[in-house]
Amino acid sequence: MAWFEVDIFNRCIEVDLHDYSRLTAIQVAREKIKEAYEHGFRYVRLIHGASNIRHKEDGGSIKFALRSMLNNGGLNNWAEEKGSKNHRLKDESMVLALRKNPKPVDGEWKEMPMGEY
């Protein structure tokens, strides 16, 4: 089941993208990254799975789509650039360092959509 957890002490949210199609997972990840930035958080951990998959041809479509978004600048509005030493790309997840938001907002977090699988 897909879920997210907010860690106010470390200014990080953790988002599990299991149970989503590639397209929905990318949309959810993008929305949660934007939302975390708006709240002034520093990190987003995206759990995508596919820890044993090293090559795009072998599967792991969510994993490689997220990496592609980072590498192509699709997250630059909220996340540090692709070469940032603050990002942590792991086999099963990625931790993205967010840009500093000069005017963070305080508010409720949006619910995630229901899982598709």
PDB file of N, CA and C in Angstrom:
ATOM      1  N   MET A   1       0.830  -1.179   0.000  1.00  0.00           N
ATOM      2  CA  MET A   1       0.000   0.000   0.000  1.00  0.00           C
ATOM      3  C   MET A   1       0.877   1.246   0.000  1.00  0.00           C
ATOM      4  N   ALA A   2       0.568   2.184  -0.845  1.00  0.00           N
ATOM      5  CA  ALA A   2       1.312   3.444  -0.931  1.00  0.00           C
ATOM      6  C   ALA A   2       1.008   4.294   0.303  1.00  0.00           C
ATOM      7  N   TRP A   3       2.004   5.027   0.786  1.00  0.00           N
ATOM      8  CA  TRP A   3       1.832   5.862   1.974  1.00  0.00           C
ATOM      9  C   TRP A   3       2.891   6.950   2.002  1.00  0.00           C
ATOM     10  N   PHE A   4       2.724   7.914   2.907  1.00  0.00           N
ATOM     11  CA  PHE A   4       3.766   8.887   3.166  1.00  0.00           C
ATOM     12  C   PHE A   4       3.788   9.214   4.654  1.00  0.00           C
ATOM     13  N   GLU A   5       4.963   9.634   5.108  1.00  0.00           N
ATOM     14  CA  GLU A   5       5.158   9.954   6.517  1.00  0.00           C
ATOM     15  C   GLU A   5       5.949  11.247   6.622  1.00  0.00           C
ATOM     16  N   VAL A   6       5.512  12.125   7.488  1.00  0.00           N
ATOM     17  CA  VAL A   6       6.148  13.426   7.670  1.00  0.00           C
ATOM     18  C   VAL A   6       6.991  13.390   8.935  1.00  0.00           C
ATOM     19  N   ASP A   7       8.270  13.735   8.807  1.00  0.00           N
ATOM     20  CA  ASP A   7       9.198  13.814   9.939  1.00  0.00           C
ATOM     21  C   ASP A   7       9.527  15.291  10.159  1.00  0.00           C
ATOM     22  N   ILE A   8       8.823  15.925  11.092  1.00  0.00           N
ATOM     23  CA  ILE A   8       9.002  17.361  11.298  1.00  0.00           C
ATOM     24  C   ILE A   8      10.356  17.694  11.919  1.00  0.00           C
ATOM     25  N   PHE A   9      10.955  16.753  12.640  1.00  0.00           N
ATOM     26  CA  PHE A   9      12.233  17.022  13.297  1.00  0.00           C
ATOM     27  C   PHE A   9      13.390  17.063  12.309  1.00  0.00           C
ATOM     28  N   ASN A  10      13.369  16.159  11.330  1.00  0.00           N
ATOM     29  CA  ASN A  10      14.421  16.124  10.314  1.00  0.00           C
ATOM     30  C   ASN A  10      14.028  16.877   9.048  1.00  0.00           C
ATOM     31  N   ARG A  11      12.812  17.459   9.037  1.00  0.00           N
ATOM     32  CA  ARG A  11      12.308  18.224   7.880  1.00  0.00           C
ATOM     33  C   ARG A  11      12.363  17.366   6.614  1.00  0.00           C
ATOM     34  N   CYS A  12      11.858  16.150   6.742  1.00  0.00           N
ATOM     35  CA  CYS A  12      11.893  15.176   5.649  1.00  0.00           C
ATOM     36  C   CYS A  12      10.538  14.478   5.554  1.00  0.00           C
ATOM     37  N   ILE A  13      10.126  14.160   4.332  1.00  0.00           N
ATOM     38  CA  ILE A  13       8.980  13.273   4.183  1.00  0.00           C
ATOM     39  C   ILE A  13       9.446  12.021   3.453  1.00  0.00           C
ATOM     40  N   GLU A  14       8.795  10.927   3.763  1.00  0.00           N
ATOM     41  CA  GLU A  14       9.086   9.645   3.150  1.00  0.00           C
ATOM     42  C   GLU A  14       7.839   9.213   2.399  1.00  0.00           C
ATOM     43  N   VAL A  15       8.004   8.848   1.133  1.00  0.00           N
ATOM     44  CA  VAL A  15       6.873   8.505   0.271  1.00  0.00           C
ATOM     45  C   VAL A  15       7.110   7.133  -0.344  1.00  0.00           C
ATOM     46  N   ASP A  16       6.207   6.196  -0.069  1.00  0.00           N
ATOM     47  CA  ASP A  16       6.294   4.860  -0.652  1.00  0.00           C
ATOM     48  C   ASP A  16       5.408   4.824  -1.890  1.00  0.00           C
ATOM     49  N   LEU A  17       6.012   4.523  -3.029  1.00  0.00           N
ATOM     50  CA  LEU A  17       5.307   4.548  -4.310  1.00  0.00           C
ATOM     51  C   LEU A  17       4.851   3.169  -4.782  1.00  0.00           C
ATOM     52  N   HIS A  18       5.002   2.157  -3.936  1.00  0.00           N
ATOM     53  CA  HIS A  18       4.518   0.823  -4.300  1.00  0.00           C
ATOM     54  C   HIS A  18       3.005   0.888  -4.513  1.00  0.00           C
ATOM     55  N   ASP A  19       2.496   0.029  -5.323  1.00  0.00           N
ATOM     56  CA  ASP A  19       1.067  -0.077  -5.645  1.00  0.00           C
ATOM     57  C   ASP A  19       0.594   0.944  -6.670  1.00  0.00           C
ATOM     58  N   TYR A  20       1.519   1.700  -7.254  1.00  0.00           N
ATOM     59  CA  TYR A  20       1.148   2.652  -8.301  1.00  0.00           C
ATOM     60  C   TYR A  20       1.724   2.227  -9.641  1.00  0.00           C
ATOM     61  N   SER A  21       1.023   2.600 -10.690  1.00  0.00           N
ATOM     62  CA  SER A  21       1.591   2.459 -12.035  1.00  0.00           C
ATOM     63  C   SER A  21       2.723   3.477 -12.167  1.00  0.00           C
ATOM     64  N   ARG A  22       3.540   3.341 -13.178  1.00  0.00           N
ATOM     65  CA  ARG A  22       4.650   4.271 -13.378  1.00  0.00           C
ATOM     66  C   ARG A  22       4.137   5.709 -13.490  1.00  0.00           C
ATOM     67  N   LEU A  23       3.124   5.924 -14.285  1.00  0.00           N
ATOM     68  CA  LEU A  23       2.598   7.272 -14.501  1.00  0.00           C
ATOM     69  C   LEU A  23       2.069   7.885 -13.197  1.00  0.00           C
ATOM     70  N   THR A  24       1.284   7.150 -12.451  1.00  0.00           N
ATOM     71  CA  THR A  24       0.742   7.660 -11.192  1.00  0.00           C
ATOM     72  C   THR A  24       1.866   7.892 -10.181  1.00  0.00           C
ATOM     73  N   ALA A  25       2.818   6.986 -10.106  1.00  0.00           N
ATOM     74  CA  ALA A  25       3.942   7.136  -9.174  1.00  0.00           C
ATOM     75  C   ALA A  25       4.719   8.414  -9.459  1.00  0.00           C
ATOM     76  N   ILE A  26       4.933   8.719 -10.715  1.00  0.00           N
ATOM     77  CA  ILE A  26       5.662   9.934 -11.090  1.00  0.00           C
ATOM     78  C   ILE A  26       4.853  11.173 -10.706  1.00  0.00           C
ATOM     79  N   GLN A  27       3.556  11.140 -10.961  1.00  0.00           N
ATOM     80  CA  GLN A  27       2.699  12.270 -10.596  1.00  0.00           C
ATOM     81  C   GLN A  27       2.673  12.484  -9.083  1.00  0.00           C
ATOM     82  N   VAL A  28       2.546  11.403  -8.326  1.00  0.00           N
ATOM     83  CA  VAL A  28       2.523  11.493  -6.869  1.00  0.00           C
ATOM     84  C   VAL A  28       3.863  11.999  -6.348  1.00  0.00           C
ATOM     85  N   ALA A  29       4.959  11.464  -6.864  1.00  0.00           N
ATOM     86  CA  ALA A  29       6.297  11.889  -6.428  1.00  0.00           C
ATOM     87  C   ALA A  29       6.487  13.379  -6.683  1.00  0.00           C
ATOM     88  N   ARG A  30       6.137  13.812  -7.858  1.00  0.00           N
ATOM     89  CA  ARG A  30       6.290  15.229  -8.213  1.00  0.00           C
ATOM     90  C   ARG A  30       5.457  16.126  -7.284  1.00  0.00           C
ATOM     91  N   GLU A  31       4.243  15.725  -7.005  1.00  0.00           N
ATOM     92  CA  GLU A  31       3.361  16.501  -6.128  1.00  0.00           C
ATOM     93  C   GLU A  31       3.908  16.558  -4.693  1.00  0.00           C
ATOM     94  N   LYS A  32       4.401  15.427  -4.188  1.00  0.00           N
ATOM     95  CA  LYS A  32       4.926  15.398  -2.824  1.00  0.00           C
ATOM     96  C   LYS A  32       6.233  16.194  -2.716  1.00  0.00           C
ATOM     97  N   ILE A  33       7.059  16.172  -3.750  1.00  0.00           N
ATOM     98  CA  ILE A  33       8.285  16.977  -3.754  1.00  0.00           C
ATOM     99  C   ILE A  33       7.921  18.458  -3.706  1.00  0.00           C
ATOM    100  N   LYS A  34       6.987  18.855  -4.536  1.00  0.00           N
ATOM    101  CA  LYS A  34       6.529  20.250  -4.562  1.00  0.00           C
ATOM    102  C   LYS A  34       5.927  20.644  -3.209  1.00  0.00           C
ATOM    103  N   GLU A  35       5.107  19.791  -2.669  1.00  0.00           N
ATOM    104  CA  GLU A  35       4.455  20.063  -1.389  1.00  0.00           C
ATOM    105  C   GLU A  35       5.484  20.174  -0.254  1.00  0.00           C
ATOM    106  N   ALA A  36       6.473  19.288  -0.244  1.00  0.00           N
ATOM    107  CA  ALA A  36       7.523  19.348   0.779  1.00  0.00           C
ATOM    108  C   ALA A  36       8.306  20.656   0.671  1.00  0.00           C
ATOM    109  N   TYR A  37       8.622  21.057  -0.544  1.00  0.00           N
ATOM    110  CA  TYR A  37       9.304  22.337  -0.756  1.00  0.00           C
ATOM    111  C   TYR A  37       8.449  23.486  -0.224  1.00  0.00           C
ATOM    112  N   GLU A  38       7.161  23.482  -0.556  1.00  0.00           N
ATOM    113  CA  GLU A  38       6.264  24.545  -0.105  1.00  0.00           C
ATOM    114  C   GLU A  38       6.199  24.633   1.418  1.00  0.00           C
ATOM    115  N   HIS A  39       6.307  23.489   2.100  1.00  0.00           N
ATOM    116  CA  HIS A  39       6.290  23.447   3.557  1.00  0.00           C
ATOM    117  C   HIS A  39       7.670  23.771   4.162  1.00  0.00           C
ATOM    118  N   GLY A  40       8.666  23.980   3.317  1.00  0.00           N
ATOM    119  CA  GLY A  40       9.993  24.326   3.817  1.00  0.00           C
ATOM    120  C   GLY A  40      10.818  23.135   4.272  1.00  0.00           C
ATOM    121  N   PHE A  41      10.457  21.942   3.824  1.00  0.00           N
ATOM    122  CA  PHE A  41      11.217  20.752   4.202  1.00  0.00           C
ATOM    123  C   PHE A  41      12.513  20.670   3.402  1.00  0.00           C
ATOM    124  N   ARG A  42      13.474  19.907   3.901  1.00  0.00           N
ATOM    125  CA  ARG A  42      14.793  19.818   3.269  1.00  0.00           C
ATOM    126  C   ARG A  42      14.977  18.563   2.414  1.00  0.00           C
ATOM    127  N   TYR A  43      14.250  17.480   2.737  1.00  0.00           N
ATOM    128  CA  TYR A  43      14.476  16.217   2.038  1.00  0.00           C
ATOM    129  C   TYR A  43      13.161  15.492   1.749  1.00  0.00           C
ATOM    130  N   VAL A  44      13.194  14.718   0.667  1.00  0.00           N
ATOM    131  CA  VAL A  44      12.111  13.803   0.339  1.00  0.00           C
ATOM    132  C   VAL A  44      12.756  12.460   0.028  1.00  0.00           C
ATOM    133  N   ARG A  45      12.283  11.419   0.705  1.00  0.00           N
ATOM    134  CA  ARG A  45      12.752  10.068   0.398  1.00  0.00           C
ATOM    135  C   ARG A  45      11.646   9.366  -0.369  1.00  0.00           C
ATOM    136  N   LEU A  46      11.958   8.967  -1.596  1.00  0.00           N
ATOM    137  CA  LEU A  46      11.009   8.269  -2.463  1.00  0.00           C
ATOM    138  C   LEU A  46      11.384   6.797  -2.493  1.00  0.00           C
ATOM    139  N   ILE A  47      10.498   5.954  -2.025  1.00  0.00           N
ATOM    140  CA  ILE A  47      10.734   4.506  -2.029  1.00  0.00           C
ATOM    141  C   ILE A  47      10.094   3.945  -3.285  1.00  0.00           C
ATOM    142  N   HIS A  48      10.943   3.468  -4.198  1.00  0.00           N
ATOM    143  CA  HIS A  48      10.444   2.990  -5.491  1.00  0.00           C
ATOM    144  C   HIS A  48      10.610   1.502  -5.684  1.00  0.00           C
ATOM    145  N   GLY A  49      11.386   0.846  -4.853  1.00  0.00           N
ATOM    146  CA  GLY A  49      11.615  -0.585  -5.010  1.00  0.00           C
ATOM    147  C   GLY A  49      12.615  -0.875  -6.112  1.00  0.00           C
ATOM    148  N   ALA A  50      12.562  -2.088  -6.651  1.00  0.00           N
ATOM    149  CA  ALA A  50      13.457  -2.537  -7.726  1.00  0.00           C
ATOM    150  C   ALA A  50      14.916  -2.494  -7.291  1.00  0.00           C
ATOM    151  N   SER A  51      15.185  -2.928  -6.055  1.00  0.00           N
ATOM    152  CA  SER A  51      16.544  -2.858  -5.511  1.00  0.00           C
ATOM    153  C   SER A  51      17.531  -3.744  -6.258  1.00  0.00           C
ATOM    154  N   ASN A  52      17.056  -4.815  -6.848  1.00  0.00           N
ATOM    155  CA  ASN A  52      17.957  -5.735  -7.545  1.00  0.00           C
ATOM    156  C   ASN A  52      18.070  -5.458  -9.041  1.00  0.00           C
ATOM    157  N   ILE A  53      17.422  -4.390  -9.525  1.00  0.00           N
ATOM    158  CA  ILE A  53      17.440  -4.075 -10.956  1.00  0.00           C
ATOM    159  C   ILE A  53      18.435  -2.957 -11.212  1.00  0.00           C
ATOM    160  N   ARG A  54      19.405  -3.245 -12.059  1.00  0.00           N
ATOM    161  CA  ARG A  54      20.475  -2.287 -12.341  1.00  0.00           C
ATOM    162  C   ARG A  54      20.341  -1.610 -13.704  1.00  0.00           C
ATOM    163  N   HIS A  55      19.578  -2.240 -14.608  1.00  0.00           N
ATOM    164  CA  HIS A  55      19.463  -1.725 -15.972  1.00  0.00           C
ATOM    165  C   HIS A  55      17.995  -1.505 -16.325  1.00  0.00           C
ATOM    166  N   LYS A  56      17.741  -0.424 -17.010  1.00  0.00           N
ATOM    167  CA  LYS A  56      16.382  -0.045 -17.389  1.00  0.00           C
ATOM    168  C   LYS A  56      15.658  -1.151 -18.157  1.00  0.00           C
ATOM    169  N   GLU A  57      16.382  -1.878 -18.969  1.00  0.00           N
ATOM    170  CA  GLU A  57      15.794  -2.933 -19.794  1.00  0.00           C
ATOM    171  C   GLU A  57      15.241  -4.084 -18.955  1.00  0.00           C
ATOM    172  N   ASP A  58      15.694  -4.190 -17.710  1.00  0.00           N
ATOM    173  CA  ASP A  58      15.285  -5.296 -16.845  1.00  0.00           C
ATOM    174  C   ASP A  58      14.053  -4.981 -16.004  1.00  0.00           C
ATOM    175  N   GLY A  59      13.528  -3.773 -16.097  1.00  0.00           N
ATOM    176  CA  GLY A  59      12.353  -3.378 -15.313  1.00  0.00           C
ATOM    177  C   GLY A  59      12.654  -2.127 -14.507  1.00  0.00           C
ATOM    178  N   GLY A  60      11.966  -1.996 -13.389  1.00  0.00           N
ATOM    179  CA  GLY A  60      12.197  -0.847 -12.517  1.00  0.00           C
ATOM    180  C   GLY A  60      11.791   0.471 -13.154  1.00  0.00           C
ATOM    181  N   SER A  61      10.642   0.475 -13.815  1.00  0.00           N
ATOM    182  CA  SER A  61      10.261   1.664 -14.574  1.00  0.00           C
ATOM    183  C   SER A  61      10.083   2.905 -13.699  1.00  0.00           C
ATOM    184  N   ILE A  62       9.593   2.753 -12.469  1.00  0.00           N
ATOM    185  CA  ILE A  62       9.446   3.909 -11.577  1.00  0.00           C
ATOM    186  C   ILE A  62      10.823   4.422 -11.171  1.00  0.00           C
ATOM    187  N   LYS A  63      11.687   3.535 -10.797  1.00  0.00           N
ATOM    188  CA  LYS A  63      13.054   3.882 -10.387  1.00  0.00           C
ATOM    189  C   LYS A  63      13.754   4.704 -11.468  1.00  0.00           C
ATOM    190  N   PHE A  64      13.717   4.227 -12.685  1.00  0.00           N
ATOM    191  CA  PHE A  64      14.434   4.902 -13.761  1.00  0.00           C
ATOM    192  C   PHE A  64      13.721   6.169 -14.234  1.00  0.00           C
ATOM    193  N   ALA A  65      12.408   6.205 -14.127  1.00  0.00           N
ATOM    194  CA  ALA A  65      11.674   7.433 -14.475  1.00  0.00           C
ATOM    195  C   ALA A  65      11.993   8.545 -13.480  1.00  0.00           C
ATOM    196  N   LEU A  66      12.089   8.225 -12.201  1.00  0.00           N
ATOM    197  CA  LEU A  66      12.443   9.231 -11.190  1.00  0.00           C
ATOM    198  C   LEU A  66      13.853   9.758 -11.423  1.00  0.00           C
ATOM    199  N   ARG A  67      14.778   8.865 -11.714  1.00  0.00           N
ATOM    200  CA  ARG A  67      16.158   9.287 -11.971  1.00  0.00           C
ATOM    201  C   ARG A  67      16.233  10.153 -13.232  1.00  0.00           C
ATOM    202  N   SER A  68      15.443   9.800 -14.218  1.00  0.00           N
ATOM    203  CA  SER A  68      15.406  10.588 -15.447  1.00  0.00           C
ATOM    204  C   SER A  68      14.866  11.993 -15.182  1.00  0.00           C
ATOM    205  N   MET A  69      13.818  12.102 -14.371  1.00  0.00           N
ATOM    206  CA  MET A  69      13.270  13.422 -14.034  1.00  0.00           C
ATOM    207  C   MET A  69      14.331  14.274 -13.341  1.00  0.00           C
ATOM    208  N   LEU A  70      15.084  13.682 -12.436  1.00  0.00           N
ATOM    209  CA  LEU A  70      16.139  14.416 -11.741  1.00  0.00           C
ATOM    210  C   LEU A  70      17.226  14.834 -12.730  1.00  0.00           C
ATOM    211  N   ASN A  71      17.672  13.909 -13.552  1.00  0.00           N
ATOM    212  CA  ASN A  71      18.764  14.184 -14.494  1.00  0.00           C
ATOM    213  C   ASN A  71      18.391  15.183 -15.587  1.00  0.00           C
ATOM    214  N   ASN A  72      17.111  15.204 -15.972  1.00  0.00           N
ATOM    215  CA  ASN A  72      16.675  16.096 -17.048  1.00  0.00           C
ATOM    216  C   ASN A  72      16.205  17.463 -16.545  1.00  0.00           C
ATOM    217  N   GLY A  73      16.324  17.693 -15.249  1.00  0.00           N
ATOM    218  CA  GLY A  73      15.946  18.989 -14.692  1.00  0.00           C
ATOM    219  C   GLY A  73      14.463  19.141 -14.398  1.00  0.00           C
ATOM    220  N   GLY A  74      13.710  18.063 -14.463  1.00  0.00           N
ATOM    221  CA  GLY A  74      12.277  18.123 -14.223  1.00  0.00           C
ATOM    222  C   GLY A  74      11.886  18.436 -12.789  1.00  0.00           C
ATOM    223  N   LEU A  75      12.853  18.414 -11.883  1.00  0.00           N
ATOM    224  CA  LEU A  75      12.571  18.706 -10.473  1.00  0.00           C
ATOM    225  C   LEU A  75      13.295  19.952  -9.984  1.00  0.00           C
ATOM    226  N   ASN A  76      13.934  20.665 -10.895  1.00  0.00           N
ATOM    227  CA  ASN A  76      14.782  21.799 -10.513  1.00  0.00           C
ATOM    228  C   ASN A  76      14.051  22.939  -9.810  1.00  0.00           C
ATOM    229  N   ASN A  77      12.749  23.042  -9.964  1.00  0.00           N
ATOM    230  CA  ASN A  77      12.018  24.096  -9.256  1.00  0.00           C
ATOM    231  C   ASN A  77      12.059  23.890  -7.745  1.00  0.00           C
ATOM    232  N   TRP A  78      12.190  22.635  -7.319  1.00  0.00           N
ATOM    233  CA  TRP A  78      12.096  22.315  -5.897  1.00  0.00           C
ATOM    234  C   TRP A  78      13.345  21.627  -5.355  1.00  0.00           C
ATOM    235  N   ALA A  79      13.976  20.796  -6.145  1.00  0.00           N
ATOM    236  CA  ALA A  79      15.127  20.012  -5.684  1.00  0.00           C
ATOM    237  C   ALA A  79      16.434  20.644  -6.155  1.00  0.00           C
ATOM    238  N   GLU A  80      17.487  20.361  -5.405  1.00  0.00           N
ATOM    239  CA  GLU A  80      18.816  20.798  -5.832  1.00  0.00           C
ATOM    240  C   GLU A  80      19.142  20.128  -7.164  1.00  0.00           C
ATOM    241  N   GLU A  81      20.093  20.678  -7.889  1.00  0.00           N
ATOM    242  CA  GLU A  81      20.435  20.148  -9.211  1.00  0.00           C
ATOM    243  C   GLU A  81      20.948  18.720  -9.127  1.00  0.00           C
ATOM    244  N   LYS A  82      20.925  18.038 -10.268  1.00  0.00           N
ATOM    245  CA  LYS A  82      21.220  16.601 -10.313  1.00  0.00           C
ATOM    246  C   LYS A  82      22.563  16.223  -9.715  1.00  0.00           C
ATOM    247  N   GLY A  83      23.567  17.054  -9.810  1.00  0.00           N
ATOM    248  CA  GLY A  83      24.896  16.708  -9.308  1.00  0.00           C
ATOM    249  C   GLY A  83      25.108  17.009  -7.838  1.00  0.00           C
ATOM    250  N   SER A  84      24.067  17.410  -7.120  1.00  0.00           N
ATOM    251  CA  SER A  84      24.219  17.773  -5.714  1.00  0.00           C
ATOM    252  C   SER A  84      24.725  16.605  -4.882  1.00  0.00           C
ATOM    253  N   LYS A  85      25.701  16.893  -4.047  1.00  0.00           N
ATOM    254  CA  LYS A  85      26.232  15.864  -3.151  1.00  0.00           C
ATOM    255  C   LYS A  85      25.247  15.544  -2.024  1.00  0.00           C
ATOM    256  N   ASN A  86      24.174  16.310  -1.924  1.00  0.00           N
ATOM    257  CA  ASN A  86      23.175  16.089  -0.875  1.00  0.00           C
ATOM    258  C   ASN A  86      22.112  15.062  -1.257  1.00  0.00           C
ATOM    259  N   HIS A  87      22.032  14.696  -2.535  1.00  0.00           N
ATOM    260  CA  HIS A  87      21.119  13.633  -2.950  1.00  0.00           C
ATOM    261  C   HIS A  87      21.734  12.280  -2.590  1.00  0.00           C
ATOM    262  N   ARG A  88      20.879  11.314  -2.289  1.00  0.00           N
ATOM    263  CA  ARG A  88      21.323   9.948  -2.017  1.00  0.00           C
ATOM    264  C   ARG A  88      20.505   8.993  -2.882  1.00  0.00           C
ATOM    265  N   LEU A  89      21.131   8.484  -3.940  1.00  0.00           N
ATOM    266  CA  LEU A  89      20.453   7.539  -4.823  1.00  0.00           C
ATOM    267  C   LEU A  89      20.840   6.129  -4.400  1.00  0.00           C
ATOM    268  N   LYS A  90      19.867   5.387  -3.932  1.00  0.00           N
ATOM    269  CA  LYS A  90      20.094   4.022  -3.468  1.00  0.00           C
ATOM    270  C   LYS A  90      19.394   3.059  -4.409  1.00  0.00           C
ATOM    271  N   ASP A  91      19.641   1.772  -4.212  1.00  0.00           N
ATOM    272  CA  ASP A  91      19.042   0.774  -5.088  1.00  0.00           C
ATOM    273  C   ASP A  91      17.521   0.734  -4.987  1.00  0.00           C
ATOM    274  N   GLU A  92      16.989   0.909  -3.778  1.00  0.00           N
ATOM    275  CA  GLU A  92      15.543   0.782  -3.569  1.00  0.00           C
ATOM    276  C   GLU A  92      14.824   2.110  -3.355  1.00  0.00           C
ATOM    277  N   SER A  93      15.590   3.194  -3.233  1.00  0.00           N
ATOM    278  CA  SER A  93      14.982   4.496  -2.948  1.00  0.00           C
ATOM    279  C   SER A  93      15.921   5.622  -3.362  1.00  0.00           C
ATOM    280  N   MET A  94      15.415   6.835  -3.277  1.00  0.00           N
ATOM    281  CA  MET A  94      16.260   7.993  -3.503  1.00  0.00           C
ATOM    282  C   MET A  94      15.861   9.086  -2.517  1.00  0.00           C
ATOM    283  N   VAL A  95      16.861   9.750  -1.970  1.00  0.00           N
ATOM    284  CA  VAL A  95      16.626  10.878  -1.081  1.00  0.00           C
ATOM    285  C   VAL A  95      17.039  12.126  -1.846  1.00  0.00           C
ATOM    286  N   LEU A  96      16.091  13.013  -2.040  1.00  0.00           N
ATOM    287  CA  LEU A  96      16.346  14.247  -2.769  1.00  0.00           C
ATOM    288  C   LEU A  96      16.472  15.407  -1.789  1.00  0.00           C
ATOM    289  N   ALA A  97      17.526  16.186  -1.966  1.00  0.00           N
ATOM    290  CA  ALA A  97      17.705  17.404  -1.182  1.00  0.00           C
ATOM    291  C   ALA A  97      16.932  18.518  -1.873  1.00  0.00           C
ATOM    292  N   LEU A  98      16.123  19.219  -1.105  1.00  0.00           N
ATOM    293  CA  LEU A  98      15.293  20.281  -1.662  1.00  0.00           C
ATOM    294  C   LEU A  98      15.971  21.633  -1.518  1.00  0.00           C
ATOM    295  N   ARG A  99      15.625  22.516  -2.411  1.00  0.00           N
ATOM    296  CA  ARG A  99      16.103  23.895  -2.331  1.00  0.00           C
ATOM    297  C   ARG A  99      15.490  24.552  -1.091  1.00  0.00           C
ATOM    298  N   LYS A 100      16.133  25.579  -0.602  1.00  0.00           N
ATOM    299  CA  LYS A 100      15.597  26.319   0.534  1.00  0.00           C
ATOM    300  C   LYS A 100      14.455  27.211   0.041  1.00  0.00           C
ATOM    301  N   ASN A 101      13.318  27.095   0.688  1.00  0.00           N
ATOM    302  CA  ASN A 101      12.165  27.918   0.358  1.00  0.00           C
ATOM    303  C   ASN A 101      12.192  29.150   1.263  1.00  0.00           C
ATOM    304  N   PRO A 102      12.313  30.345   0.679  1.00  0.00           N
ATOM    305  CA  PRO A 102      12.388  31.549   1.505  1.00  0.00           C
ATOM    306  C   PRO A 102      11.065  31.903   2.193  1.00  0.00           C
ATOM    307  N   LYS A 103       9.950  31.351   1.712  1.00  0.00           N
ATOM    308  CA  LYS A 103       8.642  31.660   2.303  1.00  0.00           C
ATOM    309  C   LYS A 103       7.814  30.382   2.474  1.00  0.00           C
ATOM    310  N   PRO A 104       8.240  29.498   3.376  1.00  0.00           N
ATOM    311  CA  PRO A 104       7.486  28.251   3.553  1.00  0.00           C
ATOM    312  C   PRO A 104       6.101  28.520   4.158  1.00  0.00           C
ATOM    313  N   VAL A 105       5.180  27.649   3.851  1.00  0.00           N
ATOM    314  CA  VAL A 105       3.825  27.736   4.395  1.00  0.00           C
ATOM    315  C   VAL A 105       3.611  26.597   5.381  1.00  0.00           C
ATOM    316  N   ASP A 106       2.731  26.827   6.308  1.00  0.00           N
ATOM    317  CA  ASP A 106       2.371  25.793   7.262  1.00  0.00           C
ATOM    318  C   ASP A 106       0.947  25.381   6.963  1.00  0.00           C
ATOM    319  N   GLY A 107       0.713  24.117   6.845  1.00  0.00           N
ATOM    320  CA  GLY A 107      -0.632  23.673   6.531  1.00  0.00           C
ATOM    321  C   GLY A 107      -0.733  22.166   6.497  1.00  0.00           C
ATOM    322  N   GLU A 108      -1.869  21.697   6.089  1.00  0.00           N
ATOM    323  CA  GLU A 108      -2.131  20.261   5.998  1.00  0.00           C
ATOM    324  C   GLU A 108      -1.434  19.660   4.776  1.00  0.00           C
ATOM    325  N   TRP A 109      -1.120  18.390   4.887  1.00  0.00           N
ATOM    326  CA  TRP A 109      -0.552  17.639   3.765  1.00  0.00           C
ATOM    327  C   TRP A 109      -1.684  16.966   3.009  1.00  0.00           C
ATOM    328  N   LYS A 110      -1.587  16.945   1.698  1.00  0.00           N
ATOM    329  CA  LYS A 110      -2.610  16.311   0.868  1.00  0.00           C
ATOM    330  C   LYS A 110      -2.513  14.792   0.978  1.00  0.00           C
ATOM    331  N   GLU A 111      -3.655  14.161   0.908  1.00  0.00           N
ATOM    332  CA  GLU A 111      -3.700  12.704   0.895  1.00  0.00           C
ATOM    333  C   GLU A 111      -3.173  12.171  -0.435  1.00  0.00           C
ATOM    334  N   MET A 112      -2.673  10.956  -0.415  1.00  0.00           N
ATOM    335  CA  MET A 112      -2.214  10.313  -1.644  1.00  0.00           C
ATOM    336  C   MET A 112      -3.380   9.544  -2.266  1.00  0.00           C
ATOM    337  N   PRO A 113      -3.351   9.369  -3.581  1.00  0.00           N
ATOM    338  CA  PRO A 113      -4.413   8.581  -4.219  1.00  0.00           C
ATOM    339  C   PRO A 113      -4.353   7.113  -3.800  1.00  0.00           C
ATOM    340  N   MET A 114      -5.454   6.428  -3.948  1.00  0.00           N
ATOM    341  CA  MET A 114      -5.523   4.990  -3.651  1.00  0.00           C
ATOM    342  C   MET A 114      -4.556   4.237  -4.561  1.00  0.00           C
ATOM    343  N   GLY A 115      -4.008   3.160  -4.057  1.00  0.00           N
ATOM    344  CA  GLY A 115      -3.142   2.305  -4.856  1.00  0.00           C
ATOM    345  C   GLY A 115      -3.905   1.687  -6.005  1.00  0.00           C
ATOM    346  N   GLU A 116      -3.191   1.389  -7.061  1.00  0.00           N
ATOM    347  CA  GLU A 116      -3.838   0.836  -8.252  1.00  0.00           C
ATOM    348  C   GLU A 116      -3.720  -0.683  -8.349  1.00  0.00           C
ATOM    349  N   TYR A 117      -2.856  -1.267  -7.510  1.00  0.00           N
ATOM    350  CA  TYR A 117      -2.642  -2.723  -7.576  1.00  0.00           C
ATOM    351  C   TYR A 117      -3.011  -3.374  -6.275  1.00  0.00           C
TER     352      TYR A 117
END
